Amino acid sequence: MAKIKSTLDIQLDLTRPVEELTEVISAVIASQPARRKEILIGLDIAVENAIAEIESQEQSVQETHYE
């Protein structure tokens, strides 16, 4: 389970990444209610970029296998 302090000294159980990251995100936005939307938009952009990179790599691998 993620251990969260006011300084956000975080320890994650990497066997449960989604649940742990969800707890961390919830803690961050709870500590910054006025910036909640800004934080979530920034996170959304970072996630979209990471997914696009993965999809680009997957497409490159597929194209290599079909050549």
C-alpha atoms as a PDB file:
ATOM      1  CA  MET A   1       0.000   0.000   0.000  1.00  0.00           C
ATOM      2  CA  ALA A   2       1.285   3.485  -0.788  1.00  0.00           C
ATOM      3  CA  LYS A   3       2.526   5.316   2.292  1.00  0.00           C
ATOM      4  CA  ILE A   4       1.728   8.991   1.827  1.00  0.00           C
ATOM      5  CA  LYS A   5       2.854  11.842   4.112  1.00  0.00           C
ATOM      6  CA  SER A   6       2.220  15.562   3.800  1.00  0.00           C
ATOM      7  CA  THR A   7       5.627  15.830   2.122  1.00  0.00           C
ATOM      8  CA  LEU A   8       4.612  13.009  -0.202  1.00  0.00           C
ATOM      9  CA  ASP A   9       7.379  10.663   0.800  1.00  0.00           C
ATOM     10  CA  ILE A  10       5.994   7.839  -1.303  1.00  0.00           C
ATOM     11  CA  GLN A  11       6.684   4.141  -1.393  1.00  0.00           C
ATOM     12  CA  LEU A  12       4.922   2.187  -4.122  1.00  0.00           C
ATOM     13  CA  ASP A  13       4.162  -1.491  -4.347  1.00  0.00           C
ATOM     14  CA  LEU A  14       5.177  -2.039  -7.978  1.00  0.00           C
ATOM     15  CA  THR A  15       3.157  -5.242  -8.120  1.00  0.00           C
ATOM     16  CA  ARG A  16       0.037  -3.002  -7.982  1.00  0.00           C
ATOM     17  CA  PRO A  17       1.051  -0.009 -10.107  1.00  0.00           C
ATOM     18  CA  VAL A  18      -2.402   1.235 -11.129  1.00  0.00           C
ATOM     19  CA  GLU A  19      -3.850   1.138  -7.628  1.00  0.00           C
ATOM     20  CA  GLU A  20      -0.745   2.710  -6.105  1.00  0.00           C
ATOM     21  CA  LEU A  21      -0.502   5.504  -8.671  1.00  0.00           C
ATOM     22  CA  THR A  22      -4.215   6.189  -8.274  1.00  0.00           C
ATOM     23  CA  GLU A  23      -3.690   6.667  -4.538  1.00  0.00           C
ATOM     24  CA  VAL A  24      -0.792   9.041  -5.155  1.00  0.00           C
ATOM     25  CA  ILE A  25      -2.759  11.087  -7.700  1.00  0.00           C
ATOM     26  CA  SER A  26      -5.688  11.292  -5.290  1.00  0.00           C
ATOM     27  CA  ALA A  27      -3.378  12.510  -2.519  1.00  0.00           C
ATOM     28  CA  VAL A  28      -1.806  15.162  -4.733  1.00  0.00           C
ATOM     29  CA  ILE A  29      -5.077  16.599  -5.984  1.00  0.00           C
ATOM     30  CA  ALA A  30      -6.547  16.490  -2.470  1.00  0.00           C
ATOM     31  CA  SER A  31      -3.604  18.575  -1.250  1.00  0.00           C
ATOM     32  CA  GLN A  32      -4.022  21.100  -4.082  1.00  0.00           C
ATOM     33  CA  PRO A  33      -7.779  21.549  -4.585  1.00  0.00           C
ATOM     34  CA  ALA A  34      -7.396  24.892  -6.370  1.00  0.00           C
ATOM     35  CA  ARG A  35      -4.997  23.331  -8.903  1.00  0.00           C
ATOM     36  CA  ARG A  36      -6.851  20.024  -9.309  1.00  0.00           C
ATOM     37  CA  LYS A  37      -7.844  20.630 -12.937  1.00  0.00           C
ATOM     38  CA  GLU A  38      -4.370  21.901 -13.883  1.00  0.00           C
ATOM     39  CA  ILE A  39      -2.724  18.863 -12.305  1.00  0.00           C
ATOM     40  CA  LEU A  40      -5.077  16.416 -14.009  1.00  0.00           C
ATOM     41  CA  ILE A  41      -4.670  18.094 -17.411  1.00  0.00           C
ATOM     42  CA  GLY A  42      -0.882  17.918 -17.059  1.00  0.00           C
ATOM     43  CA  LEU A  43      -1.105  14.282 -16.077  1.00  0.00           C
ATOM     44  CA  ASP A  44      -3.437  13.577 -19.001  1.00  0.00           C
ATOM     45  CA  ILE A  45      -0.940  15.122 -21.423  1.00  0.00           C
ATOM     46  CA  ALA A  46       1.926  13.086 -19.949  1.00  0.00           C
ATOM     47  CA  VAL A  47      -0.094   9.862 -20.198  1.00  0.00           C
ATOM     48  CA  GLU A  48      -1.176  10.610 -23.780  1.00  0.00           C
ATOM     49  CA  ASN A  49       2.462  11.260 -24.747  1.00  0.00           C
ATOM     50  CA  ALA A  50       3.605   8.007 -23.150  1.00  0.00           C
ATOM     51  CA  ILE A  51       0.870   6.036 -24.934  1.00  0.00           C
ATOM     52  CA  ALA A  52       1.726   7.677 -28.271  1.00  0.00           C
ATOM     53  CA  GLU A  53       5.376   6.707 -27.798  1.00  0.00           C
ATOM     54  CA  ILE A  54       4.450   3.097 -27.035  1.00  0.00           C
ATOM     55  CA  GLU A  55       2.139   2.930 -30.050  1.00  0.00           C
ATOM     56  CA  SER A  56       4.856   4.386 -32.276  1.00  0.00           C
ATOM     57  CA  GLN A  57       7.320   1.763 -31.060  1.00  0.00           C
ATOM     58  CA  GLU A  58       4.772  -1.012 -31.604  1.00  0.00           C
ATOM     59  CA  GLN A  59       4.105   0.235 -35.128  1.00  0.00           C
ATOM     60  CA  SER A  60       7.838   0.274 -35.886  1.00  0.00           C
ATOM     61  CA  VAL A  61       8.156  -3.316 -34.679  1.00  0.00           C
ATOM     62  CA  GLN A  62       5.191  -4.414 -36.818  1.00  0.00           C
ATOM     63  CA  GLU A  63       6.612  -2.682 -39.901  1.00  0.00           C
ATOM     64  CA  THR A  64       9.983  -4.354 -39.322  1.00  0.00           C
ATOM     65  CA  HIS A  65       8.349  -7.795 -39.158  1.00  0.00           C
ATOM     66  CA  TYR A  66       6.430  -7.241 -42.409  1.00  0.00           C
ATOM     67  CA  GLU A  67       9.457  -6.162 -44.445  1.00  0.00           C
END
